[in-house]
Amino acid sequence: PAQPWLPGYSPESSGPTIYQDLARAGILGFLRPRTTITGQGS
């Protein structure tokens, strides 16, 4: 859901950046950045 009170909100979009559990169904795949990524998002 949109949060229009936050800085940078645009009526062309909905919600801001959030941690969210999304269903895997429908994915084409992953694009894995070519770099060393640390931190596991735990």
PDB file of all heavy atoms in Angstrom:
ATOM      1  N   PRO A   1       0.813  -1.221   0.000  1.00  0.00           N
ATOM      2  CA  PRO A   1       0.000   0.000   0.000  1.00  0.00           C
ATOM      3  C   PRO A   1       0.846   1.270   0.000  1.00  0.00           C
ATOM      4  O   PRO A   1       1.918   1.325   0.611  1.00  0.00           O
ATOM      5  CB  PRO A   1      -0.819  -0.125   1.289  1.00  0.00           C
ATOM      6  CG  PRO A   1      -0.918  -1.591   1.517  1.00  0.00           C
ATOM      7  CD  PRO A   1       0.402  -2.144   1.076  1.00  0.00           C
ATOM      8  N   ALA A   2       0.352   2.282  -0.695  1.00  0.00           N
ATOM      9  CA  ALA A   2       1.063   3.560  -0.793  1.00  0.00           C
ATOM     10  C   ALA A   2       1.170   4.230   0.568  1.00  0.00           C
ATOM     11  O   ALA A   2       0.296   4.080   1.429  1.00  0.00           O
ATOM     12  CB  ALA A   2       0.350   4.477  -1.780  1.00  0.00           C
ATOM     13  N   GLN A   3       2.232   4.994   0.753  1.00  0.00           N
ATOM     14  CA  GLN A   3       2.431   5.794   1.959  1.00  0.00           C
ATOM     15  C   GLN A   3       2.751   7.225   1.518  1.00  0.00           C
ATOM     16  O   GLN A   3       3.906   7.657   1.550  1.00  0.00           O
ATOM     17  CB  GLN A   3       3.546   5.208   2.826  1.00  0.00           C
ATOM     18  CG  GLN A   3       3.252   3.794   3.310  1.00  0.00           C
ATOM     19  CD  GLN A   3       4.281   3.257   4.275  1.00  0.00           C
ATOM     20  OE1 GLN A   3       4.837   3.997   5.097  1.00  0.00           O
ATOM     21  NE2 GLN A   3       4.564   1.971   4.191  1.00  0.00           N
ATOM     22  N   PRO A   4       1.724   7.943   1.062  1.00  0.00           N
ATOM     23  CA  PRO A   4       1.933   9.256   0.444  1.00  0.00           C
ATOM     24  C   PRO A   4       2.530  10.309   1.367  1.00  0.00           C
ATOM     25  O   PRO A   4       2.949  11.372   0.886  1.00  0.00           O
ATOM     26  CB  PRO A   4       0.524   9.648  -0.028  1.00  0.00           C
ATOM     27  CG  PRO A   4      -0.404   8.831   0.802  1.00  0.00           C
ATOM     28  CD  PRO A   4       0.303   7.552   1.062  1.00  0.00           C
ATOM     29  N   TRP A   5       2.574  10.043   2.656  1.00  0.00           N
ATOM     30  CA  TRP A   5       3.158  11.005   3.588  1.00  0.00           C
ATOM     31  C   TRP A   5       4.683  10.933   3.615  1.00  0.00           C
ATOM     32  O   TRP A   5       5.340  11.809   4.183  1.00  0.00           O
ATOM     33  CB  TRP A   5       2.607  10.766   4.989  1.00  0.00           C
ATOM     34  CG  TRP A   5       2.799   9.357   5.477  1.00  0.00           C
ATOM     35  CD1 TRP A   5       3.871   8.839   6.135  1.00  0.00           C
ATOM     36  CD2 TRP A   5       1.877   8.280   5.301  1.00  0.00           C
ATOM     37  NE1 TRP A   5       3.698   7.505   6.390  1.00  0.00           N
ATOM     38  CE2 TRP A   5       2.474   7.132   5.900  1.00  0.00           C
ATOM     39  CE3 TRP A   5       0.610   8.156   4.721  1.00  0.00           C
ATOM     40  CZ2 TRP A   5       1.849   5.881   5.914  1.00  0.00           C
ATOM     41  CZ3 TRP A   5      -0.001   6.909   4.741  1.00  0.00           C
ATOM     42  CH2 TRP A   5       0.598   5.799   5.329  1.00  0.00           C
ATOM     43  N   LEU A   6       5.251   9.908   3.007  1.00  0.00           N
ATOM     44  CA  LEU A   6       6.707   9.767   3.013  1.00  0.00           C
ATOM     45  C   LEU A   6       7.342  10.635   1.930  1.00  0.00           C
ATOM     46  O   LEU A   6       6.769  10.824   0.849  1.00  0.00           O
ATOM     47  CB  LEU A   6       7.104   8.310   2.773  1.00  0.00           C
ATOM     48  CG  LEU A   6       6.808   7.314   3.890  1.00  0.00           C
ATOM     49  CD1 LEU A   6       7.278   5.914   3.481  1.00  0.00           C
ATOM     50  CD2 LEU A   6       7.481   7.729   5.191  1.00  0.00           C
ATOM     51  N   PRO A   7       8.542  11.155   2.196  1.00  0.00           N
ATOM     52  CA  PRO A   7       9.254  11.951   1.184  1.00  0.00           C
ATOM     53  C   PRO A   7       9.490  11.139  -0.089  1.00  0.00           C
ATOM     54  O   PRO A   7       9.799   9.955  -0.033  1.00  0.00           O
ATOM     55  CB  PRO A   7      10.589  12.271   1.870  1.00  0.00           C
ATOM     56  CG  PRO A   7      10.310  12.175   3.335  1.00  0.00           C
ATOM     57  CD  PRO A   7       9.285  11.073   3.474  1.00  0.00           C
ATOM     58  N   GLY A   8       9.317  11.799  -1.223  1.00  0.00           N
ATOM     59  CA  GLY A   8       9.593  11.161  -2.501  1.00  0.00           C
ATOM     60  C   GLY A   8       8.442  10.368  -3.077  1.00  0.00           C
ATOM     61  O   GLY A   8       8.558   9.807  -4.171  1.00  0.00           O
ATOM     62  N   TYR A   9       7.298  10.318  -2.365  1.00  0.00           N
ATOM     63  CA  TYR A   9       6.161   9.545  -2.886  1.00  0.00           C
ATOM     64  C   TYR A   9       5.697  10.095  -4.233  1.00  0.00           C
ATOM     65  O   TYR A   9       5.658  11.300  -4.453  1.00  0.00           O
ATOM     66  CB  TYR A   9       4.999   9.600  -1.892  1.00  0.00           C
ATOM     67  CG  TYR A   9       3.689   9.128  -2.487  1.00  0.00           C
ATOM     68  CD1 TYR A   9       3.452   7.781  -2.721  1.00  0.00           C
ATOM     69  CD2 TYR A   9       2.695  10.047  -2.852  1.00  0.00           C
ATOM     70  CE1 TYR A   9       2.263   7.347  -3.292  1.00  0.00           C
ATOM     71  CE2 TYR A   9       1.507   9.624  -3.412  1.00  0.00           C
ATOM     72  CZ  TYR A   9       1.296   8.271  -3.632  1.00  0.00           C
ATOM     73  OH  TYR A   9       0.119   7.854  -4.191  1.00  0.00           O
ATOM     74  N   SER A  10       5.339   9.185  -5.126  1.00  0.00           N
ATOM     75  CA  SER A  10       4.778   9.559  -6.424  1.00  0.00           C
ATOM     76  C   SER A  10       3.449   8.846  -6.603  1.00  0.00           C
ATOM     77  O   SER A  10       3.346   7.639  -6.327  1.00  0.00           O
ATOM     78  CB  SER A  10       5.720   9.153  -7.560  1.00  0.00           C
ATOM     79  OG  SER A  10       5.047   9.225  -8.810  1.00  0.00           O
ATOM     80  N   PRO A  11       2.419   9.531  -7.078  1.00  0.00           N
ATOM     81  CA  PRO A  11       1.123   8.872  -7.318  1.00  0.00           C
ATOM     82  C   PRO A  11       1.185   7.821  -8.416  1.00  0.00           C
ATOM     83  O   PRO A  11       0.239   7.069  -8.605  1.00  0.00           O
ATOM     84  CB  PRO A  11       0.194  10.038  -7.708  1.00  0.00           C
ATOM     85  CG  PRO A  11       1.114  11.119  -8.171  1.00  0.00           C
ATOM     86  CD  PRO A  11       2.364  10.981  -7.362  1.00  0.00           C
ATOM     87  N   GLU A  12       2.299   7.752  -9.130  1.00  0.00           N
ATOM     88  CA  GLU A  12       2.448   6.735 -10.167  1.00  0.00           C
ATOM     89  C   GLU A  12       2.865   5.382  -9.592  1.00  0.00           C
ATOM     90  O   GLU A  12       2.915   4.388 -10.318  1.00  0.00           O
ATOM     91  CB  GLU A  12       3.489   7.180 -11.196  1.00  0.00           C
ATOM     92  CG  GLU A  12       3.095   8.394 -11.999  1.00  0.00           C
ATOM     93  CD  GLU A  12       4.139   8.770 -13.020  1.00  0.00           C
ATOM     94  OE1 GLU A  12       4.084   8.242 -14.153  1.00  0.00           O
ATOM     95  OE2 GLU A  12       5.030   9.571 -12.708  1.00  0.00           O
ATOM     96  N   SER A  13       3.167   5.340  -8.308  1.00  0.00           N
ATOM     97  CA  SER A  13       3.614   4.092  -7.689  1.00  0.00           C
ATOM     98  C   SER A  13       2.842   3.847  -6.400  1.00  0.00           C
ATOM     99  O   SER A  13       2.026   4.666  -5.986  1.00  0.00           O
ATOM    100  CB  SER A  13       5.124   4.142  -7.426  1.00  0.00           C
ATOM    101  OG  SER A  13       5.505   5.376  -6.871  1.00  0.00           O
ATOM    102  N   SER A  14       3.111   2.706  -5.773  1.00  0.00           N
ATOM    103  CA  SER A  14       2.390   2.383  -4.537  1.00  0.00           C
ATOM    104  C   SER A  14       3.342   2.485  -3.347  1.00  0.00           C
ATOM    105  O   SER A  14       3.769   3.566  -2.984  1.00  0.00           O
ATOM    106  CB  SER A  14       1.745   0.999  -4.647  1.00  0.00           C
ATOM    107  OG  SER A  14       2.714  -0.006  -4.917  1.00  0.00           O
ATOM    108  N   GLY A  15       3.675   1.348  -2.731  1.00  0.00           N
ATOM    109  CA  GLY A  15       4.418   1.390  -1.487  1.00  0.00           C
ATOM    110  C   GLY A  15       5.909   1.618  -1.626  1.00  0.00           C
ATOM    111  O   GLY A  15       6.513   1.381  -2.678  1.00  0.00           O
ATOM    112  N   PRO A  16       6.556   2.050  -0.529  1.00  0.00           N
ATOM    113  CA  PRO A  16       7.995   2.274  -0.513  1.00  0.00           C
ATOM    114  C   PRO A  16       8.758   0.957  -0.389  1.00  0.00           C
ATOM    115  O   PRO A  16       8.164  -0.130  -0.409  1.00  0.00           O
ATOM    116  CB  PRO A  16       8.187   3.137   0.736  1.00  0.00           C
ATOM    117  CG  PRO A  16       7.130   2.632   1.674  1.00  0.00           C
ATOM    118  CD  PRO A  16       5.939   2.331   0.788  1.00  0.00           C
ATOM    119  N   THR A  17      10.042   1.042  -0.233  1.00  0.00           N
ATOM    120  CA  THR A  17      10.879  -0.136  -0.054  1.00  0.00           C
ATOM    121  C   THR A  17      10.595  -0.771   1.305  1.00  0.00           C
ATOM    122  O   THR A  17      10.651  -0.090   2.332  1.00  0.00           O
ATOM    123  CB  THR A  17      12.364   0.243  -0.129  1.00  0.00           C
ATOM    124  OG1 THR A  17      12.611   0.870  -1.390  1.00  0.00           O
ATOM    125  CG2 THR A  17      13.246  -0.984   0.018  1.00  0.00           C
ATOM    126  N   ILE A  18      10.269  -2.065   1.304  1.00  0.00           N
ATOM    127  CA  ILE A  18       9.981  -2.774   2.542  1.00  0.00           C
ATOM    128  C   ILE A  18      10.566  -4.177   2.477  1.00  0.00           C
ATOM    129  O   ILE A  18      10.843  -4.696   1.400  1.00  0.00           O
ATOM    130  CB  ILE A  18       8.458  -2.892   2.812  1.00  0.00           C
ATOM    131  CG1 ILE A  18       7.781  -3.641   1.656  1.00  0.00           C
ATOM    132  CG2 ILE A  18       7.831  -1.545   3.059  1.00  0.00           C
ATOM    133  CD1 ILE A  18       6.327  -3.994   1.915  1.00  0.00           C
ATOM    134  N   TYR A  19      10.758  -4.791   3.635  1.00  0.00           N
ATOM    135  CA  TYR A  19      11.038  -6.215   3.693  1.00  0.00           C
ATOM    136  C   TYR A  19       9.710  -6.922   3.486  1.00  0.00           C
ATOM    137  O   TYR A  19       8.720  -6.622   4.161  1.00  0.00           O
ATOM    138  CB  TYR A  19      11.615  -6.598   5.051  1.00  0.00           C
ATOM    139  CG  TYR A  19      12.951  -5.998   5.356  1.00  0.00           C
ATOM    140  CD1 TYR A  19      13.136  -5.196   6.471  1.00  0.00           C
ATOM    141  CD2 TYR A  19      14.052  -6.254   4.539  1.00  0.00           C
ATOM    142  CE1 TYR A  19      14.378  -4.647   6.772  1.00  0.00           C
ATOM    143  CE2 TYR A  19      15.296  -5.716   4.829  1.00  0.00           C
ATOM    144  CZ  TYR A  19      15.450  -4.910   5.945  1.00  0.00           C
ATOM    145  OH  TYR A  19      16.680  -4.385   6.238  1.00  0.00           O
ATOM    146  N   GLN A  20       9.655  -7.863   2.577  1.00  0.00           N
ATOM    147  CA  GLN A  20       8.377  -8.481   2.224  1.00  0.00           C
ATOM    148  C   GLN A  20       8.584  -9.929   1.808  1.00  0.00           C
ATOM    149  O   GLN A  20       9.554 -10.249   1.115  1.00  0.00           O
ATOM    150  CB  GLN A  20       7.738  -7.685   1.075  1.00  0.00           C
ATOM    151  CG  GLN A  20       6.261  -7.957   0.874  1.00  0.00           C
ATOM    152  CD  GLN A  20       5.652  -6.973  -0.121  1.00  0.00           C
ATOM    153  OE1 GLN A  20       6.353  -6.401  -0.957  1.00  0.00           O
ATOM    154  NE2 GLN A  20       4.359  -6.775  -0.036  1.00  0.00           N
ATOM    155  N   ASP A  21       7.692 -10.797   2.245  1.00  0.00           N
ATOM    156  CA  ASP A  21       7.705 -12.191   1.821  1.00  0.00           C
ATOM    157  C   ASP A  21       6.862 -12.316   0.565  1.00  0.00           C
ATOM    158  O   ASP A  21       5.659 -12.054   0.590  1.00  0.00           O
ATOM    159  CB  ASP A  21       7.133 -13.089   2.922  1.00  0.00           C
ATOM    160  CG  ASP A  21       8.115 -13.313   4.058  1.00  0.00           C
ATOM    161  OD1 ASP A  21       9.299 -12.979   3.911  1.00  0.00           O
ATOM    162  OD2 ASP A  21       7.696 -13.822   5.104  1.00  0.00           O
ATOM    163  N   LEU A  22       7.474 -12.716  -0.545  1.00  0.00           N
ATOM    164  CA  LEU A  22       6.792 -12.802  -1.826  1.00  0.00           C
ATOM    165  C   LEU A  22       6.774 -14.243  -2.318  1.00  0.00           C
ATOM    166  O   LEU A  22       7.733 -14.994  -2.113  1.00  0.00           O
ATOM    167  CB  LEU A  22       7.498 -11.912  -2.860  1.00  0.00           C
ATOM    168  CG  LEU A  22       7.636 -10.430  -2.471  1.00  0.00           C
ATOM    169  CD1 LEU A  22       8.426  -9.683  -3.531  1.00  0.00           C
ATOM    170  CD2 LEU A  22       6.275  -9.789  -2.254  1.00  0.00           C
ATOM    171  N   ALA A  23       5.678 -14.621  -2.959  1.00  0.00           N
ATOM    172  CA  ALA A  23       5.554 -15.976  -3.478  1.00  0.00           C
ATOM    173  C   ALA A  23       6.523 -16.190  -4.638  1.00  0.00           C
ATOM    174  O   ALA A  23       6.683 -15.339  -5.510  1.00  0.00           O
ATOM    175  CB  ALA A  23       4.126 -16.241  -3.930  1.00  0.00           C
ATOM    176  N   ARG A  24       7.149 -17.356  -4.648  1.00  0.00           N
ATOM    177  CA  ARG A  24       8.094 -17.690  -5.715  1.00  0.00           C
ATOM    178  C   ARG A  24       7.388 -17.895  -7.055  1.00  0.00           C
ATOM    179  O   ARG A  24       7.994 -17.690  -8.116  1.00  0.00           O
ATOM    180  CB  ARG A  24       8.838 -18.969  -5.328  1.00  0.00           C
ATOM    181  CG  ARG A  24      10.012 -19.322  -6.246  1.00  0.00           C
ATOM    182  CD  ARG A  24      10.576 -20.694  -5.961  1.00  0.00           C
ATOM    183  NE  ARG A  24      11.920 -20.841  -6.463  1.00  0.00           N
ATOM    184  CZ  ARG A  24      13.017 -20.669  -5.750  1.00  0.00           C
ATOM    185  NH1 ARG A  24      12.920 -20.361  -4.457  1.00  0.00           N
ATOM    186  NH2 ARG A  24      14.207 -20.816  -6.298  1.00  0.00           N
ATOM    187  N   ALA A  25       6.149 -18.317  -7.010  1.00  0.00           N
ATOM    188  CA  ALA A  25       5.412 -18.641  -8.229  1.00  0.00           C
ATOM    189  C   ALA A  25       5.499 -17.502  -9.241  1.00  0.00           C
ATOM    190  O   ALA A  25       5.282 -16.340  -8.915  1.00  0.00           O
ATOM    191  CB  ALA A  25       3.954 -18.932  -7.896  1.00  0.00           C
ATOM    192  N   GLY A  26       5.835 -17.856 -10.466  1.00  0.00           N
ATOM    193  CA  GLY A  26       5.858 -16.878 -11.548  1.00  0.00           C
ATOM    194  C   GLY A  26       7.217 -16.259 -11.823  1.00  0.00           C
ATOM    195  O   GLY A  26       7.331 -15.417 -12.725  1.00  0.00           O
ATOM    196  N   ILE A  27       8.260 -16.664 -11.089  1.00  0.00           N
ATOM    197  CA  ILE A  27       9.552 -16.038 -11.362  1.00  0.00           C
ATOM    198  C   ILE A  27      10.186 -16.638 -12.612  1.00  0.00           C
ATOM    199  O   ILE A  27      10.032 -17.818 -12.907  1.00  0.00           O
ATOM    200  CB  ILE A  27      10.531 -16.131 -10.167  1.00  0.00           C
ATOM    201  CG1 ILE A  27      11.035 -17.565  -9.957  1.00  0.00           C
ATOM    202  CG2 ILE A  27       9.920 -15.561  -8.916  1.00  0.00           C
ATOM    203  CD1 ILE A  27      12.219 -17.631  -9.004  1.00  0.00           C
ATOM    204  N   LEU A  28      10.882 -15.772 -13.332  1.00  0.00           N
ATOM    205  CA  LEU A  28      11.673 -16.216 -14.483  1.00  0.00           C
ATOM    206  C   LEU A  28      13.031 -16.711 -14.014  1.00  0.00           C
ATOM    207  O   LEU A  28      13.592 -17.662 -14.564  1.00  0.00           O
ATOM    208  CB  LEU A  28      11.851 -15.066 -15.467  1.00  0.00           C
ATOM    209  CG  LEU A  28      10.580 -14.601 -16.187  1.00  0.00           C
ATOM    210  CD1 LEU A  28      10.830 -13.272 -16.884  1.00  0.00           C
ATOM    211  CD2 LEU A  28      10.115 -15.658 -17.177  1.00  0.00           C
ATOM    212  N   GLY A  29      13.574 -16.050 -13.014  1.00  0.00           N
ATOM    213  CA  GLY A  29      14.876 -16.425 -12.501  1.00  0.00           C
ATOM    214  C   GLY A  29      15.490 -15.304 -11.696  1.00  0.00           C
ATOM    215  O   GLY A  29      14.820 -14.337 -11.317  1.00  0.00           O
ATOM    216  N   PHE A  30      16.800 -15.441 -11.448  1.00  0.00           N
ATOM    217  CA  PHE A  30      17.552 -14.474 -10.667  1.00  0.00           C
ATOM    218  C   PHE A  30      18.678 -13.898 -11.525  1.00  0.00           C
ATOM    219  O   PHE A  30      19.304 -14.611 -12.304  1.00  0.00           O
ATOM    220  CB  PHE A  30      18.186 -15.139  -9.440  1.00  0.00           C
ATOM    221  CG  PHE A  30      17.219 -15.916  -8.586  1.00  0.00           C
ATOM    222  CD1 PHE A  30      17.116 -17.295  -8.730  1.00  0.00           C
ATOM    223  CD2 PHE A  30      16.432 -15.280  -7.637  1.00  0.00           C
ATOM    224  CE1 PHE A  30      16.250 -18.033  -7.932  1.00  0.00           C
ATOM    225  CE2 PHE A  30      15.555 -16.009  -6.839  1.00  0.00           C
ATOM    226  CZ  PHE A  30      15.455 -17.384  -6.980  1.00  0.00           C
ATOM    227  N   LEU A  31      18.934 -12.623 -11.349  1.00  0.00           N
ATOM    228  CA  LEU A  31      20.105 -11.995 -11.935  1.00  0.00           C
ATOM    229  C   LEU A  31      21.087 -11.772 -10.788  1.00  0.00           C
ATOM    230  O   LEU A  31      20.820 -10.965  -9.897  1.00  0.00           O
ATOM    231  CB  LEU A  31      19.746 -10.682 -12.636  1.00  0.00           C
ATOM    232  CG  LEU A  31      18.771 -10.811 -13.809  1.00  0.00           C
ATOM    233  CD1 LEU A  31      18.482  -9.443 -14.416  1.00  0.00           C
ATOM    234  CD2 LEU A  31      19.302 -11.780 -14.874  1.00  0.00           C
ATOM    235  N   ARG A  32      22.176 -12.515 -10.805  1.00  0.00           N
ATOM    236  CA  ARG A  32      23.128 -12.493  -9.688  1.00  0.00           C
ATOM    237  C   ARG A  32      24.242 -11.483  -9.976  1.00  0.00           C
ATOM    238  O   ARG A  32      25.040 -11.652 -10.911  1.00  0.00           O
ATOM    239  CB  ARG A  32      23.717 -13.877  -9.474  1.00  0.00           C
ATOM    240  CG  ARG A  32      24.661 -14.023  -8.282  1.00  0.00           C
ATOM    241  CD  ARG A  32      24.822 -15.480  -7.927  1.00  0.00           C
ATOM    242  NE  ARG A  32      23.531 -16.061  -7.533  1.00  0.00           N
ATOM    243  CZ  ARG A  32      23.276 -17.380  -7.524  1.00  0.00           C
ATOM    244  NH1 ARG A  32      24.212 -18.244  -7.902  1.00  0.00           N
ATOM    245  NH2 ARG A  32      22.093 -17.819  -7.144  1.00  0.00           N
ATOM    246  N   PRO A  33      24.319 -10.416  -9.178  1.00  0.00           N
ATOM    247  CA  PRO A  33      25.367  -9.412  -9.416  1.00  0.00           C
ATOM    248  C   PRO A  33      26.766 -10.022  -9.336  1.00  0.00           C
ATOM    249  O   PRO A  33      27.046 -10.863  -8.481  1.00  0.00           O
ATOM    250  CB  PRO A  33      25.148  -8.407  -8.276  1.00  0.00           C
ATOM    251  CG  PRO A  33      23.684  -8.545  -7.937  1.00  0.00           C
ATOM    252  CD  PRO A  33      23.405 -10.014  -8.093  1.00  0.00           C
ATOM    253  N   ARG A  34      27.640  -9.584 -10.246  1.00  0.00           N
ATOM    254  CA  ARG A  34      29.015 -10.074 -10.266  1.00  0.00           C
ATOM    255  C   ARG A  34      29.848  -9.252  -9.278  1.00  0.00           C
ATOM    256  O   ARG A  34      30.505  -8.271  -9.640  1.00  0.00           O
ATOM    257  CB  ARG A  34      29.590  -9.971 -11.678  1.00  0.00           C
ATOM    258  CG  ARG A  34      28.941 -10.927 -12.681  1.00  0.00           C
ATOM    259  CD  ARG A  34      29.574 -10.762 -14.063  1.00  0.00           C
ATOM    260  NE  ARG A  34      28.980 -11.662 -15.041  1.00  0.00           N
ATOM    261  CZ  ARG A  34      29.400 -12.895 -15.289  1.00  0.00           C
ATOM    262  NH1 ARG A  34      30.430 -13.385 -14.605  1.00  0.00           N
ATOM    263  NH2 ARG A  34      28.809 -13.634 -16.210  1.00  0.00           N
ATOM    264  N   THR A  35      29.773  -9.645  -8.026  1.00  0.00           N
ATOM    265  CA  THR A  35      30.551  -9.018  -6.970  1.00  0.00           C
ATOM    266  C   THR A  35      30.483  -9.929  -5.758  1.00  0.00           C
ATOM    267  O   THR A  35      29.686 -10.879  -5.725  1.00  0.00           O
ATOM    268  CB  THR A  35      30.016  -7.619  -6.615  1.00  0.00           C
ATOM    269  OG1 THR A  35      30.933  -6.960  -5.740  1.00  0.00           O
ATOM    270  CG2 THR A  35      28.660  -7.706  -5.932  1.00  0.00           C
ATOM    271  N   THR A  36      31.287  -9.651  -4.763  1.00  0.00           N
ATOM    272  CA  THR A  36      31.219 -10.403  -3.509  1.00  0.00           C
ATOM    273  C   THR A  36      30.207  -9.729  -2.603  1.00  0.00           C
ATOM    274  O   THR A  36      30.353  -8.539  -2.272  1.00  0.00           O
ATOM    275  CB  THR A  36      32.594 -10.451  -2.821  1.00  0.00           C
ATOM    276  OG1 THR A  36      33.522 -11.092  -3.691  1.00  0.00           O
ATOM    277  CG2 THR A  36      32.501 -11.217  -1.507  1.00  0.00           C
ATOM    278  N   ILE A  37      29.163 -10.472  -2.233  1.00  0.00           N
ATOM    279  CA  ILE A  37      28.100  -9.926  -1.390  1.00  0.00           C
ATOM    280  C   ILE A  37      28.213 -10.537  -0.005  1.00  0.00           C
ATOM    281  O   ILE A  37      28.166 -11.755   0.158  1.00  0.00           O
ATOM    282  CB  ILE A  37      26.711 -10.217  -1.997  1.00  0.00           C
ATOM    283  CG1 ILE A  37      26.580  -9.527  -3.359  1.00  0.00           C
ATOM    284  CG2 ILE A  37      25.601  -9.756  -1.050  1.00  0.00           C
ATOM    285  CD1 ILE A  37      25.325  -9.896  -4.123  1.00  0.00           C
ATOM    286  N   THR A  38      28.376  -9.689   0.984  1.00  0.00           N
ATOM    287  CA  THR A  38      28.412 -10.145   2.370  1.00  0.00           C
ATOM    288  C   THR A  38      27.104  -9.770   3.048  1.00  0.00           C
ATOM    289  O   THR A  38      26.293  -9.024   2.508  1.00  0.00           O
ATOM    290  CB  THR A  38      29.595  -9.521   3.127  1.00  0.00           C
ATOM    291  OG1 THR A  38      29.440  -8.097   3.130  1.00  0.00           O
ATOM    292  CG2 THR A  38      30.902  -9.884   2.465  1.00  0.00           C
ATOM    293  N   GLY A  39      26.900 -10.301   4.266  1.00  0.00           N
ATOM    294  CA  GLY A  39      25.628 -10.040   4.943  1.00  0.00           C
ATOM    295  C   GLY A  39      24.567 -10.937   4.344  1.00  0.00           C
ATOM    296  O   GLY A  39      24.436 -11.036   3.130  1.00  0.00           O
ATOM    297  N   GLN A  40      23.812 -11.596   5.161  1.00  0.00           N
ATOM    298  CA  GLN A  40      22.850 -12.578   4.661  1.00  0.00           C
ATOM    299  C   GLN A  40      21.402 -12.140   4.825  1.00  0.00           C
ATOM    300  O   GLN A  40      20.494 -12.930   4.667  1.00  0.00           O
ATOM    301  CB  GLN A  40      23.061 -13.918   5.373  1.00  0.00           C
ATOM    302  CG  GLN A  40      24.437 -14.514   5.117  1.00  0.00           C
ATOM    303  CD  GLN A  40      24.682 -14.755   3.633  1.00  0.00           C
ATOM    304  OE1 GLN A  40      23.932 -15.458   2.968  1.00  0.00           O
ATOM    305  NE2 GLN A  40      25.729 -14.149   3.098  1.00  0.00           N
ATOM    306  N   GLY A  41      21.191 -10.899   5.175  1.00  0.00           N
ATOM    307  CA  GLY A  41      19.812 -10.438   5.312  1.00  0.00           C
ATOM    308  C   GLY A  41      19.107 -11.073   6.484  1.00  0.00           C
ATOM    309  O   GLY A  41      17.893 -11.182   6.504  1.00  0.00           O
ATOM    310  N   SER A  42      19.861 -11.523   7.477  1.00  0.00           N
ATOM    311  CA  SER A  42      19.241 -12.184   8.621  1.00  0.00           C
ATOM    312  C   SER A  42      18.707 -11.162   9.610  1.00  0.00           C
ATOM    313  O   SER A  42      19.132 -10.014   9.644  1.00  0.00           O
ATOM    314  CB  SER A  42      20.260 -13.090   9.317  1.00  0.00           C
ATOM    315  OG  SER A  42      21.351 -12.319   9.761  1.00  0.00           O
TER     316      SER A  42
END
